[in-house]
Amino acid sequence: MDSKKEIYEIEFTEDCRDEIKEIYKYISKNLDAQVAARNLMKKMRDSVMNLKENPEIYMKIERKDKNKRDFRRLIVNNYVILYTIDEERKTVYISHMYYGKKNYLFS
C-alpha cells in the first residue's frame, strides 16, 4: 500500500484574483493599514496552500458550481474563501474571497 499522500494543484479563478486585489487595496489604501493587508494576504496564502494536502478539511456549504461540485468554505480572519475540488484533475479551485458579513451564498 502506497503511503504517499496525493498533492492537489491550486488554481485561483480570475474573479477571485480580482476580489483579492480589491480587498488588499481597500485595507492598505482606504484603511491605511499596509502591514495588516500584507499579514492577511500571507495568512490567506498559507491557509490556501494547506489545501494541497487536505482539500476536504473544511465544510461544504449549500452552494454548487456549474459542474455540480460542492463549494467548501475556508475562513481567514473576517474573510470567507470559497473553493471547489475537482477530483479527476486533482485540482482545488479557489473561486471567491468575500468579506465575512456579505451574503456569499447568493452572490
C-alpha atoms as a PDB file:
ATOM      1  CA  MET A   1       0.000   0.000   0.000  1.00  0.00           C
ATOM      2  CA  ASP A   2       1.371   3.375  -1.043  1.00  0.00           C
ATOM      3  CA  SER A   3       1.529   5.775   1.901  1.00  0.00           C
ATOM      4  CA  LYS A   4       2.262   8.839  -0.245  1.00  0.00           C
ATOM      5  CA  LYS A   5      -0.373  11.490   0.134  1.00  0.00           C
ATOM      6  CA  GLU A   6      -1.834  12.950  -3.037  1.00  0.00           C
ATOM      7  CA  ILE A   7      -0.956  16.561  -3.681  1.00  0.00           C
ATOM      8  CA  TYR A   8      -3.579  18.749  -5.353  1.00  0.00           C
ATOM      9  CA  GLU A   9      -2.885  21.699  -7.610  1.00  0.00           C
ATOM     10  CA  ILE A  10      -4.245  25.078  -6.511  1.00  0.00           C
ATOM     11  CA  GLU A  11      -5.797  27.422  -9.067  1.00  0.00           C
ATOM     12  CA  PHE A  12      -7.372  30.814  -8.447  1.00  0.00           C
ATOM     13  CA  THR A  13     -10.244  31.917 -10.656  1.00  0.00           C
ATOM     14  CA  GLU A  14      -9.963  35.314 -12.314  1.00  0.00           C
ATOM     15  CA  ASP A  15     -12.895  36.547 -10.178  1.00  0.00           C
ATOM     16  CA  CYS A  16     -11.082  35.521  -7.028  1.00  0.00           C
ATOM     17  CA  ARG A  17      -7.854  37.198  -8.133  1.00  0.00           C
ATOM     18  CA  ASP A  18      -9.801  40.429  -8.661  1.00  0.00           C
ATOM     19  CA  GLU A  19     -11.535  40.103  -5.276  1.00  0.00           C
ATOM     20  CA  ILE A  20      -8.201  39.565  -3.509  1.00  0.00           C
ATOM     21  CA  LYS A  21      -6.717  42.648  -5.207  1.00  0.00           C
ATOM     22  CA  GLU A  22      -9.735  44.736  -4.165  1.00  0.00           C
ATOM     23  CA  ILE A  23      -9.533  43.530  -0.559  1.00  0.00           C
ATOM     24  CA  TYR A  24      -5.803  44.254  -0.414  1.00  0.00           C
ATOM     25  CA  LYS A  25      -6.297  47.698  -1.936  1.00  0.00           C
ATOM     26  CA  TYR A  26      -9.139  48.523   0.438  1.00  0.00           C
ATOM     27  CA  ILE A  27      -7.203  47.520   3.567  1.00  0.00           C
ATOM     28  CA  SER A  28      -3.884  49.043   2.535  1.00  0.00           C
ATOM     29  CA  LYS A  29      -5.192  52.294   0.987  1.00  0.00           C
ATOM     30  CA  ASN A  30      -8.641  53.068   2.407  1.00  0.00           C
ATOM     31  CA  LEU A  31      -7.839  51.864   5.909  1.00  0.00           C
ATOM     32  CA  ASP A  32      -4.172  52.924   5.596  1.00  0.00           C
ATOM     33  CA  ALA A  33      -3.076  49.568   7.026  1.00  0.00           C
ATOM     34  CA  GLN A  34      -0.391  48.167   4.742  1.00  0.00           C
ATOM     35  CA  VAL A  35       1.006  45.798   7.380  1.00  0.00           C
ATOM     36  CA  ALA A  36      -2.466  44.395   8.129  1.00  0.00           C
ATOM     37  CA  ALA A  37      -3.104  43.925   4.396  1.00  0.00           C
ATOM     38  CA  ARG A  38       0.184  42.039   3.940  1.00  0.00           C
ATOM     39  CA  ASN A  39      -0.477  39.915   7.031  1.00  0.00           C
ATOM     40  CA  LEU A  40      -3.950  38.998   5.761  1.00  0.00           C
ATOM     41  CA  MET A  41      -2.543  38.014   2.354  1.00  0.00           C
ATOM     42  CA  LYS A  42       0.134  35.841   3.980  1.00  0.00           C
ATOM     43  CA  LYS A  43      -2.382  34.136   6.255  1.00  0.00           C
ATOM     44  CA  MET A  44      -4.745  33.594   3.311  1.00  0.00           C
ATOM     45  CA  ARG A  45      -1.938  32.159   1.164  1.00  0.00           C
ATOM     46  CA  ASP A  46      -0.780  29.820   3.948  1.00  0.00           C
ATOM     47  CA  SER A  47      -4.347  28.592   4.548  1.00  0.00           C
ATOM     48  CA  VAL A  48      -4.949  28.001   0.840  1.00  0.00           C
ATOM     49  CA  MET A  49      -1.638  26.164   0.411  1.00  0.00           C
ATOM     50  CA  ASN A  50      -2.685  23.750   3.173  1.00  0.00           C
ATOM     51  CA  LEU A  51      -5.455  22.618   0.815  1.00  0.00           C
ATOM     52  CA  LYS A  52      -2.809  20.981  -1.405  1.00  0.00           C
ATOM     53  CA  GLU A  53      -2.655  18.049   1.002  1.00  0.00           C
ATOM     54  CA  ASN A  54      -6.023  18.305   2.757  1.00  0.00           C
ATOM     55  CA  PRO A  55      -8.610  19.798   0.391  1.00  0.00           C
ATOM     56  CA  GLU A  56     -11.593  18.255   2.193  1.00  0.00           C
ATOM     57  CA  ILE A  57     -10.678  19.645   5.607  1.00  0.00           C
ATOM     58  CA  TYR A  58     -13.262  22.459   5.501  1.00  0.00           C
ATOM     59  CA  MET A  59     -17.014  22.080   5.498  1.00  0.00           C
ATOM     60  CA  LYS A  60     -19.285  22.022   2.471  1.00  0.00           C
ATOM     61  CA  ILE A  61     -21.837  24.781   2.105  1.00  0.00           C
ATOM     62  CA  GLU A  62     -25.237  24.945   0.413  1.00  0.00           C
ATOM     63  CA  ARG A  63     -23.890  26.026  -2.971  1.00  0.00           C
ATOM     64  CA  LYS A  64     -22.567  24.213  -6.046  1.00  0.00           C
ATOM     65  CA  ASP A  65     -20.596  25.367  -9.067  1.00  0.00           C
ATOM     66  CA  LYS A  66     -21.679  24.981 -12.701  1.00  0.00           C
ATOM     67  CA  ASN A  67     -20.107  21.498 -12.779  1.00  0.00           C
ATOM     68  CA  LYS A  68     -22.174  20.422  -9.740  1.00  0.00           C
ATOM     69  CA  ARG A  69     -19.133  20.358  -7.463  1.00  0.00           C
ATOM     70  CA  ASP A  70     -19.732  21.331  -3.850  1.00  0.00           C
ATOM     71  CA  PHE A  71     -18.300  24.567  -2.560  1.00  0.00           C
ATOM     72  CA  ARG A  72     -16.359  24.492   0.655  1.00  0.00           C
ATOM     73  CA  ARG A  73     -15.730  27.407   2.987  1.00  0.00           C
ATOM     74  CA  LEU A  74     -12.411  28.437   4.500  1.00  0.00           C
ATOM     75  CA  ILE A  75     -12.424  31.347   6.952  1.00  0.00           C
ATOM     76  CA  VAL A  76      -9.400  33.618   7.344  1.00  0.00           C
ATOM     77  CA  ASN A  77      -9.850  36.461   9.829  1.00  0.00           C
ATOM     78  CA  ASN A  78     -13.025  38.293   8.694  1.00  0.00           C
ATOM     79  CA  TYR A  79     -12.982  36.803   5.193  1.00  0.00           C
ATOM     80  CA  VAL A  80     -14.554  33.746   3.616  1.00  0.00           C
ATOM     81  CA  ILE A  81     -12.757  31.862   0.852  1.00  0.00           C
ATOM     82  CA  LEU A  82     -14.925  29.593  -1.281  1.00  0.00           C
ATOM     83  CA  TYR A  83     -13.397  26.731  -3.226  1.00  0.00           C
ATOM     84  CA  THR A  84     -14.293  23.562  -5.101  1.00  0.00           C
ATOM     85  CA  ILE A  85     -12.393  20.332  -5.603  1.00  0.00           C
ATOM     86  CA  ASP A  86     -12.016  18.606  -8.954  1.00  0.00           C
ATOM     87  CA  GLU A  87     -11.100  15.038  -8.041  1.00  0.00           C
ATOM     88  CA  GLU A  88     -10.427  13.980 -11.638  1.00  0.00           C
ATOM     89  CA  ARG A  89      -7.852  16.713 -12.171  1.00  0.00           C
ATOM     90  CA  LYS A  90      -6.669  16.712  -8.549  1.00  0.00           C
ATOM     91  CA  THR A  91      -7.167  20.471  -8.506  1.00  0.00           C
ATOM     92  CA  VAL A  92      -8.580  22.845  -5.923  1.00  0.00           C
ATOM     93  CA  TYR A  93     -10.213  25.902  -7.495  1.00  0.00           C
ATOM     94  CA  ILE A  94     -10.193  28.971  -5.262  1.00  0.00           C
ATOM     95  CA  SER A  95     -13.343  30.646  -6.522  1.00  0.00           C
ATOM     96  CA  HIS A  96     -14.103  33.670  -4.346  1.00  0.00           C
ATOM     97  CA  MET A  97     -12.942  35.686  -1.370  1.00  0.00           C
ATOM     98  CA  TYR A  98     -15.623  37.713   0.412  1.00  0.00           C
ATOM     99  CA  TYR A  99     -15.862  39.876   3.485  1.00  0.00           C
ATOM    100  CA  GLY A 100     -17.490  37.592   6.062  1.00  0.00           C
ATOM    101  CA  LYS A 101     -20.590  39.723   6.625  1.00  0.00           C
ATOM    102  CA  LYS A 102     -21.531  39.588   2.934  1.00  0.00           C
ATOM    103  CA  ASN A 103     -24.197  37.059   1.974  1.00  0.00           C
ATOM    104  CA  TYR A 104     -21.851  34.918  -0.125  1.00  0.00           C
ATOM    105  CA  LEU A 105     -24.353  32.096  -0.607  1.00  0.00           C
ATOM    106  CA  PHE A 106     -26.323  34.182  -3.092  1.00  0.00           C
ATOM    107  CA  SER A 107     -23.549  36.203  -4.736  1.00  0.00           C
END
